[in-house]
Amino acid sequence: MSLLTVTLAACSSSGGDPFHESAATGTPSSRETPVPAPKGLTKADYLHPKGQYYGVATFHAPARATTDSATVAAGVHPRILEYYQSWNKPFSLGDFDLSYQQGALPLLTWEPYGTSRAADQPQYALKKIASGSFDRYIITFARQVKAAGRPILLRFAHEMNGDWYPWSEQNSGNAPGDYVKAWRHVHDLFDAVGSTQVIWVWSPNILRGTNGVQLQPLYPGDQYVDWIGIDGYGTGEKSARDVLQPTVDAVESFSGKPILLAETGSSTGPQQAEWTADLFRWLKSTPNVIGFVWFQHSQDEGGRYDYRFDIDPQNKAAYRQGLNALSLVPWPATDAKIHPNG
């Protein structure tokens, strides 16, 4: 009997935490009319969209209040809602369902650490993940995802090419090759329990600021990845293309997987509107990029800068105009019943 089989047998299949309560508001104002989606949408239906995905990562996402605020500001409903969870918590069925009830695919950034945000945490070393130290937690989580019964975007251990997280191969006693082994092990555990509705999003940081770390040695392989999710921000530049394109070129040299900007935005300032307008021009001219998620956080809410798109009137206008020019995936993006307030 294999070690994986033994581990699976030892783990409980019970799971699911209580429904997560989030603040509700009135129906947000939007120019969009819901377009009924076909019933029974599967992973395959989402992988290669005919339009582009628009997503937001708001503070306290996927709470209705923050989604509604972003919807009013943009004039468009998000098709993806991104939120974050560390490894000291179980899968939240409440957050998953709440995303679907708002017509959006849940994008869960799954961070393998606990409450500490230190960059060096040997207790979460990649070798420990790959060797089975966290199998009980991972298998329970995978079974809970399976029981949810619908697709989810899962972004495990993002920005691995930086040096600011414990899962960097430069930290926590990690070594070259450890990241790929950990990713493949987690992926294999999900497959072993039949949790196959996961859209796996491998998400490096843009090349800038990563001290020349090469991406290809960190890539788990096309059979383990569905989308490539790039994180990249404007921090004073006027050209989004200059910020993002070098990383797109790098990943396209070893994979043809669809690319999602899994986190993006621009710091506030006189350049923000120009950067935002250029982002939308770049999105329209880069066919393998299937959408973006705007990191709608202030500095007080966890942003390195204030990235909110609706603070400066000129940037807000550029953002709304850019969204209107894109051919977006219809809203709702899911086949779930839309909540009256969502």
C-alpha atoms as a PDB file:
ATOM      1  CA  MET A   1       0.000   0.000   0.000  1.00  0.00           C
ATOM      2  CA  SER A   2       1.423   3.401  -0.961  1.00  0.00           C
ATOM      3  CA  LEU A   3       2.140   6.171   1.539  1.00  0.00           C
ATOM      4  CA  LEU A   4      -0.496   8.298  -0.216  1.00  0.00           C
ATOM      5  CA  THR A   5      -3.127   5.571   0.221  1.00  0.00           C
ATOM      6  CA  VAL A   6      -2.287   5.195   3.895  1.00  0.00           C
ATOM      7  CA  THR A   7      -2.486   8.945   4.424  1.00  0.00           C
ATOM      8  CA  LEU A   8      -5.850   9.167   2.667  1.00  0.00           C
ATOM      9  CA  ALA A   9      -7.255   6.348   4.748  1.00  0.00           C
ATOM     10  CA  ALA A  10      -6.147   8.057   7.944  1.00  0.00           C
ATOM     11  CA  CYS A  11      -7.852  11.346   7.182  1.00  0.00           C
ATOM     12  CA  SER A  12     -11.478  12.069   7.933  1.00  0.00           C
ATOM     13  CA  SER A  13     -13.792  12.887   5.060  1.00  0.00           C
ATOM     14  CA  SER A  14     -16.000  15.096   7.193  1.00  0.00           C
ATOM     15  CA  GLY A  15     -15.596  18.804   6.670  1.00  0.00           C
ATOM     16  CA  GLY A  16     -17.046  22.159   5.848  1.00  0.00           C
ATOM     17  CA  ASP A  17     -17.187  25.040   8.237  1.00  0.00           C
ATOM     18  CA  PRO A  18     -20.386  26.955   9.023  1.00  0.00           C
ATOM     19  CA  PHE A  19     -21.603  29.496   6.519  1.00  0.00           C
ATOM     20  CA  HIS A  20     -19.505  32.638   6.857  1.00  0.00           C
ATOM     21  CA  GLU A  21     -21.665  35.643   7.597  1.00  0.00           C
ATOM     22  CA  SER A  22     -20.794  38.785   5.637  1.00  0.00           C
ATOM     23  CA  ALA A  23     -22.283  42.246   5.602  1.00  0.00           C
ATOM     24  CA  ALA A  24     -25.192  42.736   3.206  1.00  0.00           C
ATOM     25  CA  THR A  25     -26.167  45.909   1.419  1.00  0.00           C
ATOM     26  CA  GLY A  26     -28.819  46.941  -1.035  1.00  0.00           C
ATOM     27  CA  THR A  27     -28.579  45.929  -4.671  1.00  0.00           C
ATOM     28  CA  PRO A  28     -25.662  47.788  -6.292  1.00  0.00           C
ATOM     29  CA  SER A  29     -26.294  50.038  -9.228  1.00  0.00           C
ATOM     30  CA  SER A  30     -24.942  48.560 -12.460  1.00  0.00           C
ATOM     31  CA  ARG A  31     -25.558  48.949 -16.158  1.00  0.00           C
ATOM     32  CA  GLU A  32     -25.469  45.173 -16.581  1.00  0.00           C
ATOM     33  CA  THR A  33     -28.442  42.889 -16.958  1.00  0.00           C
ATOM     34  CA  PRO A  34     -27.852  39.341 -15.760  1.00  0.00           C
ATOM     35  CA  VAL A  35     -27.406  36.850 -18.592  1.00  0.00           C
ATOM     36  CA  PRO A  36     -28.508  33.353 -17.511  1.00  0.00           C
ATOM     37  CA  ALA A  37     -25.626  30.911 -17.695  1.00  0.00           C
ATOM     38  CA  PRO A  38     -26.062  27.318 -18.862  1.00  0.00           C
ATOM     39  CA  LYS A  39     -26.697  24.917 -15.995  1.00  0.00           C
ATOM     40  CA  GLY A  40     -24.094  22.542 -14.683  1.00  0.00           C
ATOM     41  CA  LEU A  41     -20.976  24.502 -15.650  1.00  0.00           C
ATOM     42  CA  THR A  42     -17.781  22.522 -15.116  1.00  0.00           C
ATOM     43  CA  LYS A  43     -14.084  23.300 -14.960  1.00  0.00           C
ATOM     44  CA  ALA A  44     -13.826  22.824 -18.719  1.00  0.00           C
ATOM     45  CA  ASP A  45     -16.424  25.549 -19.311  1.00  0.00           C
ATOM     46  CA  TYR A  46     -14.299  28.136 -17.512  1.00  0.00           C
ATOM     47  CA  LEU A  47     -10.808  27.259 -18.723  1.00  0.00           C
ATOM     48  CA  HIS A  48     -10.903  28.944 -22.146  1.00  0.00           C
ATOM     49  CA  PRO A  49     -13.351  31.873 -21.966  1.00  0.00           C
ATOM     50  CA  LYS A  50     -14.722  33.569 -25.058  1.00  0.00           C
ATOM     51  CA  GLY A  51     -14.359  36.931 -23.332  1.00  0.00           C
ATOM     52  CA  GLN A  52     -12.106  38.306 -20.623  1.00  0.00           C
ATOM     53  CA  TYR A  53     -12.538  37.874 -16.896  1.00  0.00           C
ATOM     54  CA  TYR A  54     -12.793  40.941 -14.694  1.00  0.00           C
ATOM     55  CA  GLY A  55     -12.082  40.382 -11.024  1.00  0.00           C
ATOM     56  CA  VAL A  56     -11.464  42.313  -7.840  1.00  0.00           C
ATOM     57  CA  ALA A  57      -9.678  41.499  -4.611  1.00  0.00           C
ATOM     58  CA  THR A  58     -11.362  43.692  -2.033  1.00  0.00           C
ATOM     59  CA  PHE A  59     -10.747  44.061   1.668  1.00  0.00           C
ATOM     60  CA  HIS A  60     -12.855  41.454   3.491  1.00  0.00           C
ATOM     61  CA  ALA A  61     -13.692  39.730   0.184  1.00  0.00           C
ATOM     62  CA  PRO A  62     -16.000  38.136  -0.727  1.00  0.00           C
ATOM     63  CA  ALA A  63     -18.247  40.174   1.588  1.00  0.00           C
ATOM     64  CA  ARG A  64     -21.180  41.740  -0.241  1.00  0.00           C
ATOM     65  CA  ALA A  65     -20.484  45.234   1.041  1.00  0.00           C
ATOM     66  CA  THR A  66     -17.033  45.415  -0.526  1.00  0.00           C
ATOM     67  CA  THR A  67     -18.159  43.736  -3.751  1.00  0.00           C
ATOM     68  CA  ASP A  68     -21.083  46.138  -4.028  1.00  0.00           C
ATOM     69  CA  SER A  69     -18.828  49.137  -3.453  1.00  0.00           C
ATOM     70  CA  ALA A  70     -16.462  48.027  -6.222  1.00  0.00           C
ATOM     71  CA  THR A  71     -19.398  47.295  -8.540  1.00  0.00           C
ATOM     72  CA  VAL A  72     -20.876  50.759  -8.058  1.00  0.00           C
ATOM     73  CA  ALA A  73     -17.494  52.410  -8.637  1.00  0.00           C
ATOM     74  CA  ALA A  74     -16.725  50.388 -11.790  1.00  0.00           C
ATOM     75  CA  GLY A  75     -20.241  50.160 -13.188  1.00  0.00           C
ATOM     76  CA  VAL A  76     -19.551  46.476 -13.860  1.00  0.00           C
ATOM     77  CA  HIS A  77     -19.976  43.360 -11.749  1.00  0.00           C
ATOM     78  CA  PRO A  78     -16.814  41.345 -11.103  1.00  0.00           C
ATOM     79  CA  ARG A  79     -16.650  37.892 -12.650  1.00  0.00           C
ATOM     80  CA  ILE A  80     -13.972  36.767 -10.179  1.00  0.00           C
ATOM     81  CA  LEU A  81     -13.739  37.478  -6.451  1.00  0.00           C
ATOM     82  CA  GLU A  82     -10.302  36.887  -4.946  1.00  0.00           C
ATOM     83  CA  TYR A  83      -9.697  36.276  -1.267  1.00  0.00           C
ATOM     84  CA  TYR A  84      -6.877  34.887   0.858  1.00  0.00           C
ATOM     85  CA  GLN A  85      -6.548  32.063   3.363  1.00  0.00           C
ATOM     86  CA  SER A  86      -3.625  30.688   5.330  1.00  0.00           C
ATOM     87  CA  TRP A  87      -3.093  27.104   6.465  1.00  0.00           C
ATOM     88  CA  ASN A  88      -4.394  27.605  10.000  1.00  0.00           C
ATOM     89  CA  LYS A  89      -7.991  27.592   8.738  1.00  0.00           C
ATOM     90  CA  PRO A  90     -10.281  25.018   7.080  1.00  0.00           C
ATOM     91  CA  PHE A  91     -11.907  25.513   3.708  1.00  0.00           C
ATOM     92  CA  SER A  92     -14.644  28.135   3.974  1.00  0.00           C
ATOM     93  CA  LEU A  93     -17.772  26.890   2.232  1.00  0.00           C
ATOM     94  CA  GLY A  94     -19.407  30.171   3.197  1.00  0.00           C
ATOM     95  CA  ASP A  95     -16.938  32.297   1.253  1.00  0.00           C
ATOM     96  CA  PHE A  96     -17.108  29.898  -1.676  1.00  0.00           C
ATOM     97  CA  ASP A  97     -20.921  30.025  -1.807  1.00  0.00           C
ATOM     98  CA  LEU A  98     -20.974  33.778  -1.289  1.00  0.00           C
ATOM     99  CA  SER A  99     -18.804  34.288  -4.365  1.00  0.00           C
ATOM    100  CA  TYR A 100     -21.127  32.141  -6.455  1.00  0.00           C
ATOM    101  CA  GLN A 101     -24.197  33.947  -5.111  1.00  0.00           C
ATOM    102  CA  GLN A 102     -22.688  37.174  -6.452  1.00  0.00           C
ATOM    103  CA  GLY A 103     -22.187  35.681  -9.909  1.00  0.00           C
ATOM    104  CA  ALA A 104     -18.425  35.384  -9.550  1.00  0.00           C
ATOM    105  CA  LEU A 105     -15.910  32.554  -9.585  1.00  0.00           C
ATOM    106  CA  PRO A 106     -14.060  32.262  -6.272  1.00  0.00           C
ATOM    107  CA  LEU A 107     -10.295  32.739  -6.566  1.00  0.00           C
ATOM    108  CA  LEU A 108      -8.733  31.463  -3.362  1.00  0.00           C
ATOM    109  CA  THR A 109      -5.129  32.419  -2.739  1.00  0.00           C
ATOM    110  CA  TRP A 110      -4.016  29.588  -0.466  1.00  0.00           C
ATOM    111  CA  GLU A 111      -0.971  30.553   1.587  1.00  0.00           C
ATOM    112  CA  PRO A 112       0.994  27.776   3.322  1.00  0.00           C
ATOM    113  CA  TYR A 113       1.732  29.465   6.632  1.00  0.00           C
ATOM    114  CA  GLY A 114      -0.110  30.254   9.860  1.00  0.00           C
ATOM    115  CA  THR A 115      -0.622  33.551  11.660  1.00  0.00           C
ATOM    116  CA  SER A 116       2.955  34.832  11.329  1.00  0.00           C
ATOM    117  CA  ARG A 117       3.915  36.843   8.254  1.00  0.00           C
ATOM    118  CA  ALA A 118       7.658  36.313   8.698  1.00  0.00           C
ATOM    119  CA  ALA A 119       9.517  35.413   5.511  1.00  0.00           C
ATOM    120  CA  ASP A 120      11.463  32.623   7.185  1.00  0.00           C
ATOM    121  CA  GLN A 121       9.320  29.881   8.770  1.00  0.00           C
ATOM    122  CA  PRO A 122      11.073  26.483   8.775  1.00  0.00           C
ATOM    123  CA  GLN A 123       7.972  24.827  10.240  1.00  0.00           C
ATOM    124  CA  TYR A 124       6.349  25.402   6.821  1.00  0.00           C
ATOM    125  CA  ALA A 125       9.364  24.347   4.769  1.00  0.00           C
ATOM    126  CA  LEU A 126       8.553  23.088   1.289  1.00  0.00           C
ATOM    127  CA  LYS A 127      10.234  19.765   2.087  1.00  0.00           C
ATOM    128  CA  LYS A 128       7.735  19.229   4.898  1.00  0.00           C
ATOM    129  CA  ILE A 129       4.831  19.836   2.531  1.00  0.00           C
ATOM    130  CA  ALA A 130       6.259  17.481  -0.106  1.00  0.00           C
ATOM    131  CA  SER A 131       7.116  14.747   2.402  1.00  0.00           C
ATOM    132  CA  GLY A 132       3.622  14.539   3.889  1.00  0.00           C
ATOM    133  CA  SER A 133       3.807  16.527   7.133  1.00  0.00           C
ATOM    134  CA  PHE A 134       0.674  18.485   6.172  1.00  0.00           C
ATOM    135  CA  ASP A 135      -1.189  15.709   4.359  1.00  0.00           C
ATOM    136  CA  ARG A 136      -3.991  15.436   6.896  1.00  0.00           C
ATOM    137  CA  TYR A 137      -4.795  19.136   6.538  1.00  0.00           C
ATOM    138  CA  ILE A 138      -4.454  19.133   2.736  1.00  0.00           C
ATOM    139  CA  ILE A 139      -6.605  16.026   2.240  1.00  0.00           C
ATOM    140  CA  THR A 140      -9.343  17.340   4.519  1.00  0.00           C
ATOM    141  CA  PHE A 141      -9.267  20.639   2.639  1.00  0.00           C
ATOM    142  CA  ALA A 142      -9.381  18.860  -0.727  1.00  0.00           C
ATOM    143  CA  ARG A 143     -12.393  16.787   0.335  1.00  0.00           C
ATOM    144  CA  GLN A 144     -14.195  19.929   1.474  1.00  0.00           C
ATOM    145  CA  VAL A 145     -13.506  21.545  -1.902  1.00  0.00           C
ATOM    146  CA  LYS A 146     -14.834  18.442  -3.631  1.00  0.00           C
ATOM    147  CA  ALA A 147     -17.990  18.499  -1.492  1.00  0.00           C
ATOM    148  CA  ALA A 148     -18.634  22.124  -2.496  1.00  0.00           C
ATOM    149  CA  GLY A 149     -19.554  20.688  -5.885  1.00  0.00           C
ATOM    150  CA  ARG A 150     -18.464  23.508  -8.176  1.00  0.00           C
ATOM    151  CA  PRO A 151     -15.214  24.757  -9.722  1.00  0.00           C
ATOM    152  CA  ILE A 152     -12.825  26.974  -7.785  1.00  0.00           C
ATOM    153  CA  LEU A 153      -9.703  28.860  -8.813  1.00  0.00           C
ATOM    154  CA  LEU A 154      -6.937  27.794  -6.425  1.00  0.00           C
ATOM    155  CA  ARG A 155      -3.767  29.885  -6.288  1.00  0.00           C
ATOM    156  CA  PHE A 156      -1.344  27.952  -4.104  1.00  0.00           C
ATOM    157  CA  ALA A 157       1.854  29.545  -2.752  1.00  0.00           C
ATOM    158  CA  HIS A 158       1.921  32.590  -5.013  1.00  0.00           C
ATOM    159  CA  GLU A 159       4.873  34.906  -5.767  1.00  0.00           C
ATOM    160  CA  MET A 160       7.290  32.054  -5.144  1.00  0.00           C
ATOM    161  CA  ASN A 161      10.023  33.787  -7.151  1.00  0.00           C
ATOM    162  CA  GLY A 162      10.218  36.590  -4.591  1.00  0.00           C
ATOM    163  CA  ASP A 163      11.983  36.414  -1.250  1.00  0.00           C
ATOM    164  CA  TRP A 164       9.183  37.703   0.957  1.00  0.00           C
ATOM    165  CA  TYR A 165       7.252  34.472   1.665  1.00  0.00           C
ATOM    166  CA  PRO A 166       8.265  31.293   3.533  1.00  0.00           C
ATOM    167  CA  TRP A 167       7.660  29.187   0.428  1.00  0.00           C
ATOM    168  CA  SER A 168      10.408  30.978  -1.499  1.00  0.00           C
ATOM    169  CA  GLU A 169      13.250  28.571  -2.207  1.00  0.00           C
ATOM    170  CA  GLN A 170      15.513  31.205  -0.629  1.00  0.00           C
ATOM    171  CA  ASN A 171      13.814  30.953   2.793  1.00  0.00           C
ATOM    172  CA  SER A 172      12.811  28.463   5.490  1.00  0.00           C
ATOM    173  CA  GLY A 173      15.634  26.052   4.724  1.00  0.00           C
ATOM    174  CA  ASN A 174      14.234  25.429   1.238  1.00  0.00           C
ATOM    175  CA  ALA A 175      16.398  24.377  -1.693  1.00  0.00           C
ATOM    176  CA  PRO A 176      16.162  24.474  -5.502  1.00  0.00           C
ATOM    177  CA  GLY A 177      13.536  22.017  -6.728  1.00  0.00           C
ATOM    178  CA  ASP A 178      11.565  22.024  -3.483  1.00  0.00           C
ATOM    179  CA  TYR A 179       8.793  24.280  -4.767  1.00  0.00           C
ATOM    180  CA  VAL A 180       7.892  22.036  -7.702  1.00  0.00           C
ATOM    181  CA  LYS A 181       7.899  18.961  -5.458  1.00  0.00           C
ATOM    182  CA  ALA A 182       5.565  20.648  -2.957  1.00  0.00           C
ATOM    183  CA  TRP A 183       3.175  21.871  -5.681  1.00  0.00           C
ATOM    184  CA  ARG A 184       2.982  18.460  -7.356  1.00  0.00           C
ATOM    185  CA  HIS A 185       2.395  16.725  -4.022  1.00  0.00           C
ATOM    186  CA  VAL A 186      -0.507  19.030  -3.137  1.00  0.00           C
ATOM    187  CA  HIS A 187      -1.978  18.628  -6.624  1.00  0.00           C
ATOM    188  CA  ASP A 188      -1.649  14.823  -6.422  1.00  0.00           C
ATOM    189  CA  LEU A 189      -3.500  14.731  -3.097  1.00  0.00           C
ATOM    190  CA  PHE A 190      -6.426  16.636  -4.594  1.00  0.00           C
ATOM    191  CA  ASP A 191      -6.519  14.241  -7.532  1.00  0.00           C
ATOM    192  CA  ALA A 192      -6.354  11.249  -5.200  1.00  0.00           C
ATOM    193  CA  VAL A 193      -9.561  12.246  -3.404  1.00  0.00           C
ATOM    194  CA  GLY A 194     -11.335  13.151  -6.660  1.00  0.00           C
ATOM    195  CA  SER A 195     -11.225  16.903  -6.105  1.00  0.00           C
ATOM    196  CA  THR A 196     -10.852  17.578  -9.807  1.00  0.00           C
ATOM    197  CA  GLN A 197     -12.962  20.721 -10.280  1.00  0.00           C
ATOM    198  CA  VAL A 198     -10.011  22.875  -9.188  1.00  0.00           C
ATOM    199  CA  ILE A 199      -8.537  25.321 -11.686  1.00  0.00           C
ATOM    200  CA  TRP A 200      -4.893  25.427 -10.601  1.00  0.00           C
ATOM    201  CA  VAL A 201      -3.349  28.900 -10.890  1.00  0.00           C
ATOM    202  CA  TRP A 202       0.457  29.073 -10.743  1.00  0.00           C
ATOM    203  CA  SER A 203       1.197  32.670  -9.882  1.00  0.00           C
ATOM    204  CA  PRO A 204       4.686  34.206  -9.944  1.00  0.00           C
ATOM    205  CA  ASN A 205       5.493  37.825  -9.283  1.00  0.00           C
ATOM    206  CA  ILE A 206       6.632  39.914 -12.239  1.00  0.00           C
ATOM    207  CA  LEU A 207      10.359  39.681 -12.858  1.00  0.00           C
ATOM    208  CA  ARG A 208      11.033  43.127 -11.435  1.00  0.00           C
ATOM    209  CA  GLY A 209      12.174  42.942  -7.837  1.00  0.00           C
ATOM    210  CA  THR A 210      12.984  39.209  -7.775  1.00  0.00           C
ATOM    211  CA  ASN A 211      16.779  39.418  -8.117  1.00  0.00           C
ATOM    212  CA  GLY A 212      16.964  37.495 -11.367  1.00  0.00           C
ATOM    213  CA  VAL A 213      15.224  34.338 -10.121  1.00  0.00           C
ATOM    214  CA  GLN A 214      14.332  32.229 -13.175  1.00  0.00           C
ATOM    215  CA  LEU A 215      10.712  31.157 -13.546  1.00  0.00           C
ATOM    216  CA  GLN A 216      11.001  27.928 -15.513  1.00  0.00           C
ATOM    217  CA  PRO A 217      12.704  25.916 -12.710  1.00  0.00           C
ATOM    218  CA  LEU A 218       9.779  26.883 -10.456  1.00  0.00           C
ATOM    219  CA  TYR A 219       7.125  25.758 -12.937  1.00  0.00           C
ATOM    220  CA  PRO A 220       5.410  22.461 -11.950  1.00  0.00           C
ATOM    221  CA  GLY A 221       4.614  21.531 -15.558  1.00  0.00           C
ATOM    222  CA  ASP A 222       1.606  21.931 -17.832  1.00  0.00           C
ATOM    223  CA  GLN A 223      -0.009  18.763 -16.494  1.00  0.00           C
ATOM    224  CA  TYR A 224      -0.111  20.371 -13.026  1.00  0.00           C
ATOM    225  CA  VAL A 225      -1.207  23.879 -14.002  1.00  0.00           C
ATOM    226  CA  ASP A 226      -4.352  25.222 -15.676  1.00  0.00           C
ATOM    227  CA  TRP A 227      -3.684  28.974 -15.699  1.00  0.00           C
ATOM    228  CA  ILE A 228      -0.647  31.135 -15.099  1.00  0.00           C
ATOM    229  CA  GLY A 229      -1.490  34.018 -12.792  1.00  0.00           C
ATOM    230  CA  ILE A 230       0.940  36.937 -12.890  1.00  0.00           C
ATOM    231  CA  ASP A 231       1.153  39.501 -10.071  1.00  0.00           C
ATOM    232  CA  GLY A 232       2.363  42.942 -11.123  1.00  0.00           C
ATOM    233  CA  TYR A 233       1.736  46.527 -10.063  1.00  0.00           C
ATOM    234  CA  GLY A 234       2.440  50.021 -11.238  1.00  0.00           C
ATOM    235  CA  THR A 235       4.426  51.873  -8.592  1.00  0.00           C
ATOM    236  CA  GLY A 236       4.987  55.186 -10.348  1.00  0.00           C
ATOM    237  CA  GLU A 237       5.304  54.075 -13.982  1.00  0.00           C
ATOM    238  CA  LYS A 238       3.063  55.319 -16.763  1.00  0.00           C
ATOM    239  CA  SER A 239       3.239  52.181 -18.923  1.00  0.00           C
ATOM    240  CA  ALA A 240       1.537  48.990 -17.796  1.00  0.00           C
ATOM    241  CA  ARG A 241       3.002  47.203 -20.809  1.00  0.00           C
ATOM    242  CA  ASP A 242       6.548  47.932 -19.635  1.00  0.00           C
ATOM    243  CA  VAL A 243       5.696  46.510 -16.210  1.00  0.00           C
ATOM    244  CA  LEU A 244       3.910  43.338 -17.356  1.00  0.00           C
ATOM    245  CA  GLN A 245       5.098  42.277 -20.804  1.00  0.00           C
ATOM    246  CA  PRO A 246       8.604  41.017 -19.867  1.00  0.00           C
ATOM    247  CA  THR A 247       7.072  38.459 -17.500  1.00  0.00           C
ATOM    248  CA  VAL A 248       4.481  37.382 -20.066  1.00  0.00           C
ATOM    249  CA  ASP A 249       7.307  36.855 -22.569  1.00  0.00           C
ATOM    250  CA  ALA A 250       9.207  34.793 -20.006  1.00  0.00           C
ATOM    251  CA  VAL A 251       6.349  32.431 -19.152  1.00  0.00           C
ATOM    252  CA  GLU A 252       5.304  32.058 -22.773  1.00  0.00           C
ATOM    253  CA  SER A 253       8.793  30.748 -23.546  1.00  0.00           C
ATOM    254  CA  PHE A 254       7.962  27.535 -21.647  1.00  0.00           C
ATOM    255  CA  SER A 255       4.154  27.333 -21.453  1.00  0.00           C
ATOM    256  CA  GLY A 256       1.167  28.221 -23.577  1.00  0.00           C
ATOM    257  CA  LYS A 257      -1.307  28.140 -20.692  1.00  0.00           C
ATOM    258  CA  PRO A 258      -3.826  31.011 -20.438  1.00  0.00           C
ATOM    259  CA  ILE A 259      -2.599  33.949 -18.358  1.00  0.00           C
ATOM    260  CA  LEU A 260      -4.605  35.822 -15.741  1.00  0.00           C
ATOM    261  CA  LEU A 261      -3.326  38.939 -14.018  1.00  0.00           C
ATOM    262  CA  ALA A 262      -4.044  37.527 -10.579  1.00  0.00           C
ATOM    263  CA  GLU A 263      -3.113  40.755  -8.776  1.00  0.00           C
ATOM    264  CA  THR A 264      -2.631  44.111 -10.422  1.00  0.00           C
ATOM    265  CA  GLY A 265      -3.165  47.784  -9.798  1.00  0.00           C
ATOM    266  CA  SER A 266      -1.367  51.084  -9.741  1.00  0.00           C
ATOM    267  CA  SER A 267      -0.403  53.309  -6.858  1.00  0.00           C
ATOM    268  CA  THR A 268      -2.301  56.561  -6.649  1.00  0.00           C
ATOM    269  CA  GLY A 269      -0.666  59.665  -8.055  1.00  0.00           C
ATOM    270  CA  PRO A 270      -0.574  61.757 -11.219  1.00  0.00           C
ATOM    271  CA  GLN A 271       0.542  58.744 -13.299  1.00  0.00           C
ATOM    272  CA  GLN A 272      -2.230  56.375 -12.213  1.00  0.00           C
ATOM    273  CA  ALA A 273      -4.813  57.255 -14.856  1.00  0.00           C
ATOM    274  CA  GLU A 274      -2.277  56.908 -17.661  1.00  0.00           C
ATOM    275  CA  TRP A 275      -1.073  53.554 -16.299  1.00  0.00           C
ATOM    276  CA  THR A 276      -4.650  52.294 -16.026  1.00  0.00           C
ATOM    277  CA  ALA A 277      -5.549  53.364 -19.551  1.00  0.00           C
ATOM    278  CA  ASP A 278      -2.429  51.601 -20.821  1.00  0.00           C
ATOM    279  CA  LEU A 279      -3.355  48.462 -18.891  1.00  0.00           C
ATOM    280  CA  PHE A 280      -6.607  48.166 -20.809  1.00  0.00           C
ATOM    281  CA  ARG A 281      -4.903  48.854 -24.134  1.00  0.00           C
ATOM    282  CA  TRP A 282      -2.402  46.126 -23.310  1.00  0.00           C
ATOM    283  CA  LEU A 283      -5.140  43.680 -22.300  1.00  0.00           C
ATOM    284  CA  LYS A 284      -6.901  44.177 -25.634  1.00  0.00           C
ATOM    285  CA  SER A 285      -3.693  43.573 -27.589  1.00  0.00           C
ATOM    286  CA  THR A 286      -2.445  40.511 -25.646  1.00  0.00           C
ATOM    287  CA  PRO A 287      -4.751  37.623 -26.588  1.00  0.00           C
ATOM    288  CA  ASN A 288      -3.358  34.961 -24.243  1.00  0.00           C
ATOM    289  CA  VAL A 289      -4.146  37.151 -21.222  1.00  0.00           C
ATOM    290  CA  ILE A 290      -7.706  36.149 -20.348  1.00  0.00           C
ATOM    291  CA  GLY A 291      -8.418  38.799 -17.744  1.00  0.00           C
ATOM    292  CA  PHE A 292      -7.286  40.577 -14.615  1.00  0.00           C
ATOM    293  CA  VAL A 293      -7.984  40.981 -10.910  1.00  0.00           C
ATOM    294  CA  TRP A 294      -7.569  44.480  -9.499  1.00  0.00           C
ATOM    295  CA  PHE A 295      -6.162  44.592  -5.955  1.00  0.00           C
ATOM    296  CA  GLN A 296      -8.639  47.050  -4.442  1.00  0.00           C
ATOM    297  CA  HIS A 297      -6.822  47.758  -1.172  1.00  0.00           C
ATOM    298  CA  SER A 298      -5.564  50.857   0.574  1.00  0.00           C
ATOM    299  CA  GLN A 299      -2.338  50.872   2.585  1.00  0.00           C
ATOM    300  CA  ASP A 300      -4.366  50.483   5.788  1.00  0.00           C
ATOM    301  CA  GLU A 301      -5.988  47.399   4.242  1.00  0.00           C
ATOM    302  CA  GLY A 302      -2.720  45.683   3.354  1.00  0.00           C
ATOM    303  CA  GLY A 303      -1.576  47.322   0.137  1.00  0.00           C
ATOM    304  CA  ARG A 304       2.023  48.407  -0.233  1.00  0.00           C
ATOM    305  CA  TYR A 305       0.501  51.541  -1.732  1.00  0.00           C
ATOM    306  CA  ASP A 306      -3.080  52.743  -2.070  1.00  0.00           C
ATOM    307  CA  TYR A 307      -4.122  50.794  -5.162  1.00  0.00           C
ATOM    308  CA  ARG A 308      -7.832  51.651  -5.152  1.00  0.00           C
ATOM    309  CA  PHE A 309      -9.074  52.585  -8.617  1.00  0.00           C
ATOM    310  CA  ASP A 310     -11.847  54.902  -7.450  1.00  0.00           C
ATOM    311  CA  ILE A 311      -9.958  57.469  -5.326  1.00  0.00           C
ATOM    312  CA  ASP A 312      -8.793  59.710  -8.152  1.00  0.00           C
ATOM    313  CA  PRO A 313     -11.653  60.828 -10.465  1.00  0.00           C
ATOM    314  CA  GLN A 314      -9.439  60.699 -13.566  1.00  0.00           C
ATOM    315  CA  ASN A 315      -8.311  57.165 -12.817  1.00  0.00           C
ATOM    316  CA  LYS A 316     -11.848  56.062 -12.058  1.00  0.00           C
ATOM    317  CA  ALA A 317     -12.963  57.422 -15.435  1.00  0.00           C
ATOM    318  CA  ALA A 318     -10.081  55.628 -17.203  1.00  0.00           C
ATOM    319  CA  TYR A 319     -10.971  52.413 -15.395  1.00  0.00           C
ATOM    320  CA  ARG A 320     -14.652  52.545 -16.329  1.00  0.00           C
ATOM    321  CA  GLN A 321     -13.836  53.444 -19.921  1.00  0.00           C
ATOM    322  CA  GLY A 322     -11.334  50.598 -20.135  1.00  0.00           C
ATOM    323  CA  LEU A 323     -13.801  48.042 -18.797  1.00  0.00           C
ATOM    324  CA  ASN A 324     -16.425  49.201 -21.271  1.00  0.00           C
ATOM    325  CA  ALA A 325     -13.961  48.644 -24.121  1.00  0.00           C
ATOM    326  CA  LEU A 326     -13.218  45.036 -23.168  1.00  0.00           C
ATOM    327  CA  SER A 327     -15.226  42.060 -24.361  1.00  0.00           C
ATOM    328  CA  LEU A 328     -16.027  40.620 -20.948  1.00  0.00           C
ATOM    329  CA  VAL A 329     -17.301  37.196 -20.000  1.00  0.00           C
ATOM    330  CA  PRO A 330     -21.057  37.676 -19.409  1.00  0.00           C
ATOM    331  CA  TRP A 331     -22.248  38.318 -15.879  1.00  0.00           C
ATOM    332  CA  PRO A 332     -23.092  36.288 -13.897  1.00  0.00           C
ATOM    333  CA  ALA A 333     -20.077  34.166 -14.695  1.00  0.00           C
ATOM    334  CA  THR A 334     -21.521  31.247 -12.731  1.00  0.00           C
ATOM    335  CA  ASP A 335     -24.707  29.194 -12.910  1.00  0.00           C
ATOM    336  CA  ALA A 336     -25.598  29.756  -9.258  1.00  0.00           C
ATOM    337  CA  LYS A 337     -28.784  31.557  -8.319  1.00  0.00           C
ATOM    338  CA  ILE A 338     -27.982  35.219  -7.814  1.00  0.00           C
ATOM    339  CA  HIS A 339     -28.879  36.476  -4.364  1.00  0.00           C
ATOM    340  CA  PRO A 340     -31.402  39.385  -4.416  1.00  0.00           C
ATOM    341  CA  ASN A 341     -28.754  41.637  -2.863  1.00  0.00           C
ATOM    342  CA  GLY A 342     -25.872  40.333  -4.986  1.00  0.00           C
END
